[in-house]
Amino acid sequence: MFGTRKLGKTSEQRRALLRQQVTDLLEGGKLETTFYRAKEVQPVAEKMISLGKKGNLAAYRRAMAYMTKEDTVHKLFKEIAPKYADRNGGYTRVTRTGPRRGDAAEMAVIELV
């Protein structure tokens, strides 16, 4: 596990949440969620982009085992990872957007740089 935040969920629920949010982030390039969820998604997304930069079959299979959509994994390896070939990290950015109207949770946008 990457972070130490439990996010009010059991281990299985937390793992499923992170898998889906990483997949959605890499599919759309941007994701709006709570600040603490964004901070948990960030290292996992960067790890997936690093796998995409490796580009070998083992890395592709590891990404397929984690992410939930095969099309997104293909996009990661063919489009997203080559853009970051000369960059050594820092592929994502988390920006706070203010409190949510319903419950005043701190919201943030996580996006690919």
PDB file of N, CA and C in Angstrom:
ATOM      1  N   MET A   1       0.841  -1.175   0.000  1.00  0.00           N
ATOM      2  CA  MET A   1       0.000   0.000   0.000  1.00  0.00           C
ATOM      3  C   MET A   1       0.883   1.235   0.000  1.00  0.00           C
ATOM      4  N   PHE A   2       0.462   2.249  -0.729  1.00  0.00           N
ATOM      5  CA  PHE A   2       1.303   3.411  -0.899  1.00  0.00           C
ATOM      6  C   PHE A   2       1.209   4.376   0.258  1.00  0.00           C
ATOM      7  N   GLY A   3       0.001   4.703   0.687  1.00  0.00           N
ATOM      8  CA  GLY A   3      -0.148   5.703   1.728  1.00  0.00           C
ATOM      9  C   GLY A   3      -0.584   5.084   3.035  1.00  0.00           C
ATOM     10  N   THR A   4      -0.781   5.942   4.006  1.00  0.00           N
ATOM     11  CA  THR A   4      -1.202   5.462   5.316  1.00  0.00           C
ATOM     12  C   THR A   4      -2.625   5.893   5.640  1.00  0.00           C
ATOM     13  N   ARG A   5      -3.272   6.612   4.732  1.00  0.00           N
ATOM     14  CA  ARG A   5      -4.644   7.049   4.974  1.00  0.00           C
ATOM     15  C   ARG A   5      -5.604   5.910   4.693  1.00  0.00           C
ATOM     16  N   LYS A   6      -6.553   5.705   5.586  1.00  0.00           N
ATOM     17  CA  LYS A   6      -7.516   4.621   5.404  1.00  0.00           C
ATOM     18  C   LYS A   6      -8.754   5.064   4.633  1.00  0.00           C
ATOM     19  N   LEU A   7      -9.004   6.354   4.569  1.00  0.00           N
ATOM     20  CA  LEU A   7     -10.112   6.932   3.810  1.00  0.00           C
ATOM     21  C   LEU A   7     -11.474   6.403   4.232  1.00  0.00           C
ATOM     22  N   GLY A   8     -11.585   5.905   5.441  1.00  0.00           N
ATOM     23  CA  GLY A   8     -12.858   5.429   5.957  1.00  0.00           C
ATOM     24  C   GLY A   8     -13.358   4.166   5.291  1.00  0.00           C
ATOM     25  N   LYS A   9     -12.462   3.356   4.760  1.00  0.00           N
ATOM     26  CA  LYS A   9     -12.848   2.161   4.026  1.00  0.00           C
ATOM     27  C   LYS A   9     -12.012   0.966   4.469  1.00  0.00           C
ATOM     28  N   THR A  10     -12.536  -0.237   4.192  1.00  0.00           N
ATOM     29  CA  THR A  10     -11.758  -1.446   4.457  1.00  0.00           C
ATOM     30  C   THR A  10     -10.662  -1.569   3.400  1.00  0.00           C
ATOM     31  N   SER A  11      -9.748  -2.494   3.606  1.00  0.00           N
ATOM     32  CA  SER A  11      -8.624  -2.656   2.684  1.00  0.00           C
ATOM     33  C   SER A  11      -9.083  -2.941   1.265  1.00  0.00           C
ATOM     34  N   GLU A  12     -10.056  -3.843   1.115  1.00  0.00           N
ATOM     35  CA  GLU A  12     -10.530  -4.206  -0.215  1.00  0.00           C
ATOM     36  C   GLU A  12     -11.229  -3.035  -0.899  1.00  0.00           C
ATOM     37  N   GLN A  13     -12.041  -2.304  -0.144  1.00  0.00           N
ATOM     38  CA  GLN A  13     -12.736  -1.154  -0.710  1.00  0.00           C
ATOM     39  C   GLN A  13     -11.750  -0.063  -1.117  1.00  0.00           C
ATOM     40  N   ARG A  14     -10.732   0.155  -0.285  1.00  0.00           N
ATOM     41  CA  ARG A  14      -9.727   1.175  -0.562  1.00  0.00           C
ATOM     42  C   ARG A  14      -8.929   0.807  -1.816  1.00  0.00           C
ATOM     43  N   ARG A  15      -8.552  -0.454  -1.942  1.00  0.00           N
ATOM     44  CA  ARG A  15      -7.800  -0.912  -3.107  1.00  0.00           C
ATOM     45  C   ARG A  15      -8.633  -0.752  -4.381  1.00  0.00           C
ATOM     46  N   ALA A  16      -9.924  -1.104  -4.314  1.00  0.00           N
ATOM     47  CA  ALA A  16     -10.802  -0.957  -5.473  1.00  0.00           C
ATOM     48  C   ALA A  16     -10.984   0.511  -5.841  1.00  0.00           C
ATOM     49  N   LEU A  17     -11.121   1.380  -4.852  1.00  0.00           N
ATOM     50  CA  LEU A  17     -11.261   2.807  -5.093  1.00  0.00           C
ATOM     51  C   LEU A  17     -10.032   3.362  -5.810  1.00  0.00           C
ATOM     52  N   LEU A  18      -8.838   3.011  -5.322  1.00  0.00           N
ATOM     53  CA  LEU A  18      -7.611   3.511  -5.931  1.00  0.00           C
ATOM     54  C   LEU A  18      -7.446   2.984  -7.354  1.00  0.00           C
ATOM     55  N   ARG A  19      -7.762   1.716  -7.581  1.00  0.00           N
ATOM     56  CA  ARG A  19      -7.660   1.146  -8.925  1.00  0.00           C
ATOM     57  C   ARG A  19      -8.554   1.900  -9.895  1.00  0.00           C
ATOM     58  N   GLN A  20      -9.785   2.152  -9.490  1.00  0.00           N
ATOM     59  CA  GLN A  20     -10.731   2.820 -10.380  1.00  0.00           C
ATOM     60  C   GLN A  20     -10.346   4.274 -10.609  1.00  0.00           C
ATOM     61  N   GLN A  21      -9.891   4.963  -9.567  1.00  0.00           N
ATOM     62  CA  GLN A  21      -9.543   6.369  -9.741  1.00  0.00           C
ATOM     63  C   GLN A  21      -8.285   6.537 -10.585  1.00  0.00           C
ATOM     64  N   VAL A  22      -7.313   5.638 -10.439  1.00  0.00           N
ATOM     65  CA  VAL A  22      -6.122   5.700 -11.287  1.00  0.00           C
ATOM     66  C   VAL A  22      -6.515   5.464 -12.742  1.00  0.00           C
ATOM     67  N   THR A  23      -7.385   4.486 -12.971  1.00  0.00           N
ATOM     68  CA  THR A  23      -7.845   4.208 -14.329  1.00  0.00           C
ATOM     69  C   THR A  23      -8.568   5.420 -14.917  1.00  0.00           C
ATOM     70  N   ASP A  24      -9.449   6.040 -14.144  1.00  0.00           N
ATOM     71  CA  ASP A  24     -10.189   7.214 -14.619  1.00  0.00           C
ATOM     72  C   ASP A  24      -9.258   8.395 -14.884  1.00  0.00           C
ATOM     73  N   LEU A  25      -8.262   8.586 -14.035  1.00  0.00           N
ATOM     74  CA  LEU A  25      -7.308   9.681 -14.220  1.00  0.00           C
ATOM     75  C   LEU A  25      -6.529   9.504 -15.517  1.00  0.00           C
ATOM     76  N   LEU A  26      -6.025   8.306 -15.759  1.00  0.00           N
ATOM     77  CA  LEU A  26      -5.237   8.074 -16.963  1.00  0.00           C
ATOM     78  C   LEU A  26      -6.106   8.059 -18.217  1.00  0.00           C
ATOM     79  N   GLU A  27      -7.374   7.739 -18.059  1.00  0.00           N
ATOM     80  CA  GLU A  27      -8.279   7.736 -19.209  1.00  0.00           C
ATOM     81  C   GLU A  27      -8.652   9.156 -19.616  1.00  0.00           C
ATOM     82  N   GLY A  28      -8.943  10.001 -18.654  1.00  0.00           N
ATOM     83  CA  GLY A  28      -9.401  11.352 -18.968  1.00  0.00           C
ATOM     84  C   GLY A  28      -8.350  12.436 -18.834  1.00  0.00           C
ATOM     85  N   GLY A  29      -7.262  12.165 -18.128  1.00  0.00           N
ATOM     86  CA  GLY A  29      -6.225  13.162 -17.937  1.00  0.00           C
ATOM     87  C   GLY A  29      -6.450  14.081 -16.753  1.00  0.00           C
ATOM     88  N   LYS A  30      -7.659  14.030 -16.169  1.00  0.00           N
ATOM     89  CA  LYS A  30      -8.002  14.906 -15.061  1.00  0.00           C
ATOM     90  C   LYS A  30      -9.088  14.234 -14.244  1.00  0.00           C
ATOM     91  N   LEU A  31      -9.064  14.462 -12.914  1.00  0.00           N
ATOM     92  CA  LEU A  31     -10.040  13.839 -12.033  1.00  0.00           C
ATOM     93  C   LEU A  31     -10.309  14.776 -10.866  1.00  0.00           C
ATOM     94  N   GLU A  32     -11.574  15.015 -10.560  1.00  0.00           N
ATOM     95  CA  GLU A  32     -11.941  15.831  -9.405  1.00  0.00           C
ATOM     96  C   GLU A  32     -12.421  14.916  -8.297  1.00  0.00           C
ATOM     97  N   THR A  33     -11.790  15.011  -7.135  1.00  0.00           N
ATOM     98  CA  THR A  33     -12.107  14.161  -5.991  1.00  0.00           C
ATOM     99  C   THR A  33     -11.735  14.917  -4.725  1.00  0.00           C
ATOM    100  N   THR A  34     -11.850  14.270  -3.580  1.00  0.00           N
ATOM    101  CA  THR A  34     -11.440  14.938  -2.350  1.00  0.00           C
ATOM    102  C   THR A  34      -9.924  15.036  -2.299  1.00  0.00           C
ATOM    103  N   PHE A  35      -9.434  15.962  -1.523  1.00  0.00           N
ATOM    104  CA  PHE A  35      -7.992  16.222  -1.477  1.00  0.00           C
ATOM    105  C   PHE A  35      -7.212  14.998  -1.010  1.00  0.00           C
ATOM    106  N   TYR A  36      -7.696  14.327   0.031  1.00  0.00           N
ATOM    107  CA  TYR A  36      -6.939  13.206   0.573  1.00  0.00           C
ATOM    108  C   TYR A  36      -6.956  12.001  -0.356  1.00  0.00           C
ATOM    109  N   ARG A  37      -8.059  11.818  -1.088  1.00  0.00           N
ATOM    110  CA  ARG A  37      -8.085  10.748  -2.083  1.00  0.00           C
ATOM    111  C   ARG A  37      -7.101  11.056  -3.205  1.00  0.00           C
ATOM    112  N   ALA A  38      -7.044  12.326  -3.616  1.00  0.00           N
ATOM    113  CA  ALA A  38      -6.112  12.719  -4.672  1.00  0.00           C
ATOM    114  C   ALA A  38      -4.670  12.476  -4.240  1.00  0.00           C
ATOM    115  N   LYS A  39      -4.374  12.767  -2.968  1.00  0.00           N
ATOM    116  CA  LYS A  39      -3.013  12.545  -2.481  1.00  0.00           C
ATOM    117  C   LYS A  39      -2.666  11.061  -2.408  1.00  0.00           C
ATOM    118  N   GLU A  40      -3.663  10.193  -2.270  1.00  0.00           N
ATOM    119  CA  GLU A  40      -3.431   8.755  -2.281  1.00  0.00           C
ATOM    120  C   GLU A  40      -3.324   8.211  -3.705  1.00  0.00           C
ATOM    121  N   VAL A  41      -4.045   8.811  -4.631  1.00  0.00           N
ATOM    122  CA  VAL A  41      -4.017   8.361  -6.025  1.00  0.00           C
ATOM    123  C   VAL A  41      -2.703   8.759  -6.697  1.00  0.00           C
ATOM    124  N   GLN A  42      -2.132   9.863  -6.299  1.00  0.00           N
ATOM    125  CA  GLN A  42      -0.961  10.423  -6.956  1.00  0.00           C
ATOM    126  C   GLN A  42       0.221   9.444  -7.073  1.00  0.00           C
ATOM    127  N   PRO A  43       0.703   8.816  -5.998  1.00  0.00           N
ATOM    128  CA  PRO A  43       1.847   7.919  -6.170  1.00  0.00           C
ATOM    129  C   PRO A  43       1.523   6.674  -6.992  1.00  0.00           C
ATOM    130  N   VAL A  44       0.293   6.206  -6.929  1.00  0.00           N
ATOM    131  CA  VAL A  44      -0.087   5.026  -7.702  1.00  0.00           C
ATOM    132  C   VAL A  44      -0.107   5.368  -9.190  1.00  0.00           C
ATOM    133  N   ALA A  45      -0.643   6.529  -9.541  1.00  0.00           N
ATOM    134  CA  ALA A  45      -0.674   6.955 -10.941  1.00  0.00           C
ATOM    135  C   ALA A  45       0.740   7.153 -11.478  1.00  0.00           C
ATOM    136  N   GLU A  46       1.607   7.713 -10.667  1.00  0.00           N
ATOM    137  CA  GLU A  46       2.986   7.911 -11.113  1.00  0.00           C
ATOM    138  C   GLU A  46       3.695   6.582 -11.318  1.00  0.00           C
ATOM    139  N   LYS A  47       3.383   5.599 -10.485  1.00  0.00           N
ATOM    140  CA  LYS A  47       3.947   4.263 -10.650  1.00  0.00           C
ATOM    141  C   LYS A  47       3.476   3.632 -11.964  1.00  0.00           C
ATOM    142  N   MET A  48       2.204   3.825 -12.308  1.00  0.00           N
ATOM    143  CA  MET A  48       1.674   3.281 -13.563  1.00  0.00           C
ATOM    144  C   MET A  48       2.345   3.944 -14.765  1.00  0.00           C
ATOM    145  N   ILE A  49       2.591   5.252 -14.700  1.00  0.00           N
ATOM    146  CA  ILE A  49       3.265   5.942 -15.795  1.00  0.00           C
ATOM    147  C   ILE A  49       4.703   5.454 -15.909  1.00  0.00           C
ATOM    148  N   SER A  50       5.347   5.187 -14.790  1.00  0.00           N
ATOM    149  CA  SER A  50       6.704   4.638 -14.821  1.00  0.00           C
ATOM    150  C   SER A  50       6.722   3.256 -15.462  1.00  0.00           C
ATOM    151  N   LEU A  51       5.703   2.453 -15.185  1.00  0.00           N
ATOM    152  CA  LEU A  51       5.591   1.153 -15.861  1.00  0.00           C
ATOM    153  C   LEU A  51       5.424   1.346 -17.361  1.00  0.00           C
ATOM    154  N   GLY A  52       4.629   2.339 -17.738  1.00  0.00           N
ATOM    155  CA  GLY A  52       4.428   2.621 -19.153  1.00  0.00           C
ATOM    156  C   GLY A  52       5.708   3.057 -19.835  1.00  0.00           C
ATOM    157  N   LYS A  53       6.562   3.756 -19.123  1.00  0.00           N
ATOM    158  CA  LYS A  53       7.835   4.182 -19.694  1.00  0.00           C
ATOM    159  C   LYS A  53       8.768   3.013 -19.931  1.00  0.00           C
ATOM    160  N   LYS A  54       8.662   1.961 -19.108  1.00  0.00           N
ATOM    161  CA  LYS A  54       9.486   0.769 -19.342  1.00  0.00           C
ATOM    162  C   LYS A  54       9.123   0.120 -20.666  1.00  0.00           C
ATOM    163  N   GLY A  55       7.825  -0.029 -20.912  1.00  0.00           N
ATOM    164  CA  GLY A  55       7.364  -0.474 -22.215  1.00  0.00           C
ATOM    165  C   GLY A  55       7.529  -1.943 -22.538  1.00  0.00           C
ATOM    166  N   ASN A  56       7.986  -2.767 -21.609  1.00  0.00           N
ATOM    167  CA  ASN A  56       8.150  -4.186 -21.920  1.00  0.00           C
ATOM    168  C   ASN A  56       6.894  -4.975 -21.550  1.00  0.00           C
ATOM    169  N   LEU A  57       6.893  -6.247 -21.877  1.00  0.00           N
ATOM    170  CA  LEU A  57       5.719  -7.083 -21.678  1.00  0.00           C
ATOM    171  C   LEU A  57       5.404  -7.271 -20.196  1.00  0.00           C
ATOM    172  N   ALA A  58       6.428  -7.416 -19.372  1.00  0.00           N
ATOM    173  CA  ALA A  58       6.204  -7.597 -17.934  1.00  0.00           C
ATOM    174  C   ALA A  58       5.536  -6.364 -17.331  1.00  0.00           C
ATOM    175  N   ALA A  59       5.976  -5.183 -17.735  1.00  0.00           N
ATOM    176  CA  ALA A  59       5.373  -3.947 -17.241  1.00  0.00           C
ATOM    177  C   ALA A  59       3.929  -3.824 -17.730  1.00  0.00           C
ATOM    178  N   TYR A  60       3.673  -4.220 -18.969  1.00  0.00           N
ATOM    179  CA  TYR A  60       2.315  -4.172 -19.510  1.00  0.00           C
ATOM    180  C   TYR A  60       1.399  -5.091 -18.706  1.00  0.00           C
ATOM    181  N   ARG A  61       1.862  -6.269 -18.367  1.00  0.00           N
ATOM    182  CA  ARG A  61       1.058  -7.214 -17.598  1.00  0.00           C
ATOM    183  C   ARG A  61       0.817  -6.728 -16.175  1.00  0.00           C
ATOM    184  N   ARG A  62       1.805  -6.079 -15.572  1.00  0.00           N
ATOM    185  CA  ARG A  62       1.608  -5.522 -14.224  1.00  0.00           C
ATOM    186  C   ARG A  62       0.576  -4.407 -14.247  1.00  0.00           C
ATOM    187  N   ALA A  63       0.611  -3.569 -15.280  1.00  0.00           N
ATOM    188  CA  ALA A  63      -0.374  -2.502 -15.407  1.00  0.00           C
ATOM    189  C   ALA A  63      -1.762  -3.088 -15.655  1.00  0.00           C
ATOM    190  N   MET A  64      -1.850  -4.129 -16.465  1.00  0.00           N
ATOM    191  CA  MET A  64      -3.127  -4.788 -16.729  1.00  0.00           C
ATOM    192  C   MET A  64      -3.698  -5.413 -15.459  1.00  0.00           C
ATOM    193  N   ALA A  65      -2.834  -5.928 -14.608  1.00  0.00           N
ATOM    194  CA  ALA A  65      -3.294  -6.545 -13.367  1.00  0.00           C
ATOM    195  C   ALA A  65      -3.844  -5.514 -12.394  1.00  0.00           C
ATOM    196  N   TYR A  66      -3.407  -4.272 -12.499  1.00  0.00           N
ATOM    197  CA  TYR A  66      -3.854  -3.243 -11.556  1.00  0.00           C
ATOM    198  C   TYR A  66      -5.020  -2.430 -12.101  1.00  0.00           C
ATOM    199  N   MET A  67      -4.916  -1.966 -13.317  1.00  0.00           N
ATOM    200  CA  MET A  67      -5.941  -1.089 -13.873  1.00  0.00           C
ATOM    201  C   MET A  67      -7.141  -1.905 -14.345  1.00  0.00           C
ATOM    202  N   THR A  68      -8.296  -1.223 -14.487  1.00  0.00           N
ATOM    203  CA  THR A  68      -9.537  -1.947 -14.742  1.00  0.00           C
ATOM    204  C   THR A  68      -9.965  -1.958 -16.204  1.00  0.00           C
ATOM    205  N   LYS A  69      -9.342  -1.188 -17.072  1.00  0.00           N
ATOM    206  CA  LYS A  69      -9.740  -1.135 -18.480  1.00  0.00           C
ATOM    207  C   LYS A  69      -8.532  -1.368 -19.377  1.00  0.00           C
ATOM    208  N   GLU A  70      -8.676  -2.319 -20.274  1.00  0.00           N
ATOM    209  CA  GLU A  70      -7.576  -2.649 -21.179  1.00  0.00           C
ATOM    210  C   GLU A  70      -7.275  -1.507 -22.141  1.00  0.00           C
ATOM    211  N   ASP A  71      -8.307  -0.789 -22.580  1.00  0.00           N
ATOM    212  CA  ASP A  71      -8.095   0.339 -23.490  1.00  0.00           C
ATOM    213  C   ASP A  71      -7.254   1.433 -22.838  1.00  0.00           C
ATOM    214  N   THR A  72      -7.462   1.648 -21.556  1.00  0.00           N
ATOM    215  CA  THR A  72      -6.696   2.669 -20.840  1.00  0.00           C
ATOM    216  C   THR A  72      -5.239   2.257 -20.692  1.00  0.00           C
ATOM    217  N   VAL A  73      -4.993   0.971 -20.466  1.00  0.00           N
ATOM    218  CA  VAL A  73      -3.607   0.482 -20.380  1.00  0.00           C
ATOM    219  C   VAL A  73      -2.924   0.668 -21.722  1.00  0.00           C
ATOM    220  N   HIS A  74      -3.619   0.361 -22.797  1.00  0.00           N
ATOM    221  CA  HIS A  74      -3.055   0.547 -24.130  1.00  0.00           C
ATOM    222  C   HIS A  74      -2.735   2.029 -24.374  1.00  0.00           C
ATOM    223  N   LYS A  75      -3.652   2.921 -23.968  1.00  0.00           N
ATOM    224  CA  LYS A  75      -3.428   4.355 -24.110  1.00  0.00           C
ATOM    225  C   LYS A  75      -2.226   4.795 -23.280  1.00  0.00           C
ATOM    226  N   LEU A  76      -2.096   4.238 -22.079  1.00  0.00           N
ATOM    227  CA  LEU A  76      -0.964   4.561 -21.212  1.00  0.00           C
ATOM    228  C   LEU A  76       0.358   4.239 -21.894  1.00  0.00           C
ATOM    229  N   PHE A  77       0.450   3.068 -22.498  1.00  0.00           N
ATOM    230  CA  PHE A  77       1.715   2.639 -23.084  1.00  0.00           C
ATOM    231  C   PHE A  77       1.997   3.298 -24.427  1.00  0.00           C
ATOM    232  N   LYS A  78       0.950   3.636 -25.192  1.00  0.00           N
ATOM    233  CA  LYS A  78       1.166   4.186 -26.542  1.00  0.00           C
ATOM    234  C   LYS A  78       1.138   5.709 -26.601  1.00  0.00           C
ATOM    235  N   GLU A  79       0.388   6.371 -25.717  1.00  0.00           N
ATOM    236  CA  GLU A  79       0.246   7.825 -25.816  1.00  0.00           C
ATOM    237  C   GLU A  79       0.814   8.575 -24.610  1.00  0.00           C
ATOM    238  N   ILE A  80       0.449   8.144 -23.404  1.00  0.00           N
ATOM    239  CA  ILE A  80       0.794   8.919 -22.208  1.00  0.00           C
ATOM    240  C   ILE A  80       2.273   8.785 -21.855  1.00  0.00           C
ATOM    241  N   ALA A  81       2.774   7.558 -21.740  1.00  0.00           N
ATOM    242  CA  ALA A  81       4.152   7.334 -21.306  1.00  0.00           C
ATOM    243  C   ALA A  81       5.188   7.945 -22.246  1.00  0.00           C
ATOM    244  N   PRO A  82       5.028   7.879 -23.577  1.00  0.00           N
ATOM    245  CA  PRO A  82       6.039   8.523 -24.435  1.00  0.00           C
ATOM    246  C   PRO A  82       6.161  10.028 -24.226  1.00  0.00           C
ATOM    247  N   LYS A  83       5.079  10.700 -23.783  1.00  0.00           N
ATOM    248  CA  LYS A  83       5.161  12.142 -23.522  1.00  0.00           C
ATOM    249  C   LYS A  83       6.108  12.449 -22.364  1.00  0.00           C
ATOM    250  N   TYR A  84       6.264  11.488 -21.441  1.00  0.00           N
ATOM    251  CA  TYR A  84       7.091  11.713 -20.258  1.00  0.00           C
ATOM    252  C   TYR A  84       8.432  10.991 -20.352  1.00  0.00           C
ATOM    253  N   ALA A  85       8.885  10.673 -21.546  1.00  0.00           N
ATOM    254  CA  ALA A  85      10.113   9.897 -21.719  1.00  0.00           C
ATOM    255  C   ALA A  85      11.337  10.608 -21.147  1.00  0.00           C
ATOM    256  N   ASP A  86      11.373  11.940 -21.221  1.00  0.00           N
ATOM    257  CA  ASP A  86      12.542  12.679 -20.752  1.00  0.00           C
ATOM    258  C   ASP A  86      12.349  13.259 -19.351  1.00  0.00           C
ATOM    259  N   ARG A  87      11.284  12.864 -18.674  1.00  0.00           N
ATOM    260  CA  ARG A  87      10.975  13.393 -17.344  1.00  0.00           C
ATOM    261  C   ARG A  87      11.206  12.303 -16.301  1.00  0.00           C
ATOM    262  N   ASN A  88      11.787  12.649 -15.168  1.00  0.00           N
ATOM    263  CA  ASN A  88      12.142  11.673 -14.147  1.00  0.00           C
ATOM    264  C   ASN A  88      11.142  11.564 -13.009  1.00  0.00           C
ATOM    265  N   GLY A  89       9.965  12.049 -13.178  1.00  0.00           N
ATOM    266  CA  GLY A  89       8.966  11.987 -12.114  1.00  0.00           C
ATOM    267  C   GLY A  89       8.130  13.247 -12.120  1.00  0.00           C
ATOM    268  N   GLY A  90       7.175  13.318 -11.215  1.00  0.00           N
ATOM    269  CA  GLY A  90       6.318  14.486 -11.139  1.00  0.00           C
ATOM    270  C   GLY A  90       5.372  14.566 -12.312  1.00  0.00           C
ATOM    271  N   TYR A  91       4.712  13.452 -12.621  1.00  0.00           N
ATOM    272  CA  TYR A  91       3.815  13.403 -13.769  1.00  0.00           C
ATOM    273  C   TYR A  91       2.432  13.950 -13.458  1.00  0.00           C
ATOM    274  N   THR A  92       2.102  14.093 -12.177  1.00  0.00           N
ATOM    275  CA  THR A  92       0.770  14.547 -11.794  1.00  0.00           C
ATOM    276  C   THR A  92       0.848  15.787 -10.910  1.00  0.00           C
ATOM    277  N   ARG A  93      -0.262  16.531 -10.878  1.00  0.00           N
ATOM    278  CA  ARG A  93      -0.348  17.736 -10.063  1.00  0.00           C
ATOM    279  C   ARG A  93      -1.682  17.712  -9.319  1.00  0.00           C
ATOM    280  N   VAL A  94      -1.649  18.035  -8.026  1.00  0.00           N
ATOM    281  CA  VAL A  94      -2.868  18.124  -7.225  1.00  0.00           C
ATOM    282  C   VAL A  94      -3.089  19.589  -6.882  1.00  0.00           C
ATOM    283  N   THR A  95      -4.282  20.096  -7.242  1.00  0.00           N
ATOM    284  CA  THR A  95      -4.637  21.488  -6.990  1.00  0.00           C
ATOM    285  C   THR A  95      -5.909  21.522  -6.165  1.00  0.00           C
ATOM    286  N   ARG A  96      -5.875  22.216  -5.026  1.00  0.00           N
ATOM    287  CA  ARG A  96      -7.074  22.344  -4.187  1.00  0.00           C
ATOM    288  C   ARG A  96      -8.067  23.284  -4.854  1.00  0.00           C
ATOM    289  N   THR A  97      -9.362  22.920  -4.761  1.00  0.00           N
ATOM    290  CA  THR A  97     -10.395  23.746  -5.382  1.00  0.00           C
ATOM    291  C   THR A  97     -11.387  24.322  -4.386  1.00  0.00           C
ATOM    292  N   GLY A  98     -11.256  23.998  -3.113  1.00  0.00           N
ATOM    293  CA  GLY A  98     -12.162  24.555  -2.121  1.00  0.00           C
ATOM    294  C   GLY A  98     -13.094  23.506  -1.559  1.00  0.00           C
ATOM    295  N   PRO A  99     -13.953  23.908  -0.633  1.00  0.00           N
ATOM    296  CA  PRO A  99     -14.845  22.941   0.018  1.00  0.00           C
ATOM    297  C   PRO A  99     -16.023  22.542  -0.871  1.00  0.00           C
ATOM    298  N   ARG A 100     -16.469  21.303  -0.694  1.00  0.00           N
ATOM    299  CA  ARG A 100     -17.660  20.808  -1.394  1.00  0.00           C
ATOM    300  C   ARG A 100     -18.894  21.367  -0.710  1.00  0.00           C
ATOM    301  N   ARG A 101     -19.919  21.658  -1.485  1.00  0.00           N
ATOM    302  CA  ARG A 101     -21.099  22.325  -0.950  1.00  0.00           C
ATOM    303  C   ARG A 101     -21.865  21.470   0.056  1.00  0.00           C
ATOM    304  N   GLY A 102     -21.993  20.185  -0.188  1.00  0.00           N
ATOM    305  CA  GLY A 102     -22.831  19.351   0.661  1.00  0.00           C
ATOM    306  C   GLY A 102     -22.267  19.102   2.041  1.00  0.00           C
ATOM    307  N   ASP A 103     -21.006  18.696   2.117  1.00  0.00           N
ATOM    308  CA  ASP A 103     -20.437  18.315   3.409  1.00  0.00           C
ATOM    309  C   ASP A 103     -19.147  19.058   3.748  1.00  0.00           C
ATOM    310  N   ALA A 104     -18.789  20.058   2.958  1.00  0.00           N
ATOM    311  CA  ALA A 104     -17.609  20.892   3.183  1.00  0.00           C
ATOM    312  C   ALA A 104     -16.308  20.099   3.156  1.00  0.00           C
ATOM    313  N   ALA A 105     -16.282  18.982   2.411  1.00  0.00           N
ATOM    314  CA  ALA A 105     -15.036  18.235   2.249  1.00  0.00           C
ATOM    315  C   ALA A 105     -14.105  19.019   1.333  1.00  0.00           C
ATOM    316  N   GLU A 106     -12.828  18.990   1.626  1.00  0.00           N
ATOM    317  CA  GLU A 106     -11.821  19.694   0.830  1.00  0.00           C
ATOM    318  C   GLU A 106     -11.684  18.998  -0.519  1.00  0.00           C
ATOM    319  N   MET A 107     -11.990  19.703  -1.589  1.00  0.00           N
ATOM    320  CA  MET A 107     -11.943  19.129  -2.930  1.00  0.00           C
ATOM    321  C   MET A 107     -10.646  19.504  -3.625  1.00  0.00           C
ATOM    322  N   ALA A 108     -10.254  18.660  -4.594  1.00  0.00           N
ATOM    323  CA  ALA A 108      -9.030  18.899  -5.345  1.00  0.00           C
ATOM    324  C   ALA A 108      -9.183  18.310  -6.737  1.00  0.00           C
ATOM    325  N   VAL A 109      -8.354  18.814  -7.643  1.00  0.00           N
ATOM    326  CA  VAL A 109      -8.269  18.286  -8.996  1.00  0.00           C
ATOM    327  C   VAL A 109      -6.879  17.689  -9.147  1.00  0.00           C
ATOM    328  N   ILE A 110      -6.827  16.430  -9.567  1.00  0.00           N
ATOM    329  CA  ILE A 110      -5.546  15.806  -9.888  1.00  0.00           C
ATOM    330  C   ILE A 110      -5.492  15.670 -11.396  1.00  0.00           C
ATOM    331  N   GLU A 111      -4.392  16.104 -11.985  1.00  0.00           N
ATOM    332  CA  GLU A 111      -4.271  16.100 -13.438  1.00  0.00           C
ATOM    333  C   GLU A 111      -2.872  15.725 -13.854  1.00  0.00           C
ATOM    334  N   LEU A 112      -2.761  15.253 -15.088  1.00  0.00           N
ATOM    335  CA  LEU A 112      -1.456  14.943 -15.649  1.00  0.00           C
ATOM    336  C   LEU A 112      -0.794  16.240 -16.060  1.00  0.00           C
ATOM    337  N   VAL A 113       0.487  16.363 -15.786  1.00  0.00           N
ATOM    338  CA  VAL A 113       1.228  17.592 -16.097  1.00  0.00           C
ATOM    339  C   VAL A 113       1.581  17.614 -17.574  1.00  0.00           C
TER     340      VAL A 113
END
